[in-house]
Amino acid sequence: MKVEDVIHRMKNLQRFEIVAALPDEFEFRGAVPFDIHVRDGIITGRVWALTLAEAQQRFNEYLNTEY
């Protein structure tokens, strides 16, 4: 990745709020890469990304990661 690409990405990041049902087997392990709030079986994450699709993908990957 070129420096110009990194600068462009940093200048254009947006914060998206992603809401999902909390998976039954989910456990917090290790570092949490987002601001996360859990309440009544709902998990909400505030994810920095260029697009909503990217934010949703990153959030879903985190929820489905097995340690």
Protein backbone atom coordinates (compact mmCIF):
# COMPACT_ATOMS: atom_id res chain seq x y z
CA MET A 1 0.00 0.00 0.00
CA LYS A 2 1.39 3.37 -1.00
CA VAL A 3 1.65 6.29 1.40
CA GLU A 4 -0.91 8.20 -0.68
CA ASP A 5 -3.38 5.32 -0.25
CA VAL A 6 -2.89 5.32 3.51
CA ILE A 7 -3.38 9.09 3.71
CA HIS A 8 -6.53 8.88 1.54
CA ARG A 9 -7.92 6.13 3.75
CA MET A 10 -7.23 8.05 6.96
CA LYS A 11 -8.83 11.22 5.61
CA ASN A 12 -11.97 9.43 4.45
CA LEU A 13 -12.75 7.03 7.31
CA GLN A 14 -16.22 7.27 8.80
CA ARG A 15 -17.65 5.79 11.98
CA PHE A 16 -20.51 3.37 11.42
CA GLU A 17 -22.74 1.85 14.09
CA ILE A 18 -23.39 -1.83 13.44
CA VAL A 19 -26.12 -3.65 15.39
CA ALA A 20 -26.50 -7.44 15.53
CA ALA A 21 -27.91 -10.20 17.67
CA LEU A 22 -25.30 -11.43 20.12
CA PRO A 23 -24.15 -14.90 19.00
CA ASP A 24 -24.82 -17.59 21.63
CA GLU A 25 -21.20 -18.73 21.76
CA PHE A 26 -19.62 -15.25 21.73
CA GLU A 27 -16.95 -14.48 24.34
CA PHE A 28 -14.68 -11.47 24.69
CA ARG A 29 -11.09 -12.66 24.29
CA GLY A 30 -8.07 -10.51 23.64
CA ALA A 31 -8.18 -6.96 22.37
CA VAL A 32 -11.49 -5.55 21.18
CA PRO A 33 -10.94 -3.53 17.98
CA PHE A 34 -14.11 -1.41 18.28
CA ASP A 35 -16.22 0.43 20.80
CA ILE A 36 -18.73 -2.26 21.72
CA HIS A 37 -21.89 -2.20 23.80
CA VAL A 38 -23.87 -5.32 24.76
CA ARG A 39 -27.39 -5.19 26.15
CA ASP A 40 -30.36 -7.57 26.15
CA GLY A 41 -28.81 -9.93 23.61
CA ILE A 42 -27.93 -7.13 21.17
CA ILE A 43 -24.34 -6.16 20.38
CA THR A 44 -23.59 -2.73 18.94
CA GLY A 45 -20.20 -1.81 17.55
CA ARG A 46 -18.86 1.53 16.37
CA VAL A 47 -16.53 0.68 13.51
CA TRP A 48 -14.25 3.03 11.54
CA ALA A 49 -14.28 2.17 7.81
CA LEU A 50 -14.56 3.72 4.36
CA THR A 51 -17.97 2.19 3.61
CA LEU A 52 -20.86 0.61 5.46
CA ALA A 53 -20.13 -2.70 3.71
CA GLU A 54 -16.53 -2.65 4.96
CA ALA A 55 -17.68 -1.83 8.49
CA GLN A 56 -20.20 -4.68 8.47
CA GLN A 57 -17.59 -7.11 7.15
CA ARG A 58 -15.03 -6.15 9.81
CA PHE A 59 -17.63 -6.41 12.57
CA ASN A 60 -18.90 -9.79 11.37
CA GLU A 61 -15.34 -11.11 11.09
CA TYR A 62 -14.70 -10.07 14.69
CA LEU A 63 -17.90 -11.74 15.93
CA ASN A 64 -17.06 -14.98 14.10
CA THR A 65 -13.37 -15.17 15.09
CA GLU A 66 -12.45 -18.24 17.12
CA TYR A 67 -9.49 -17.95 19.47
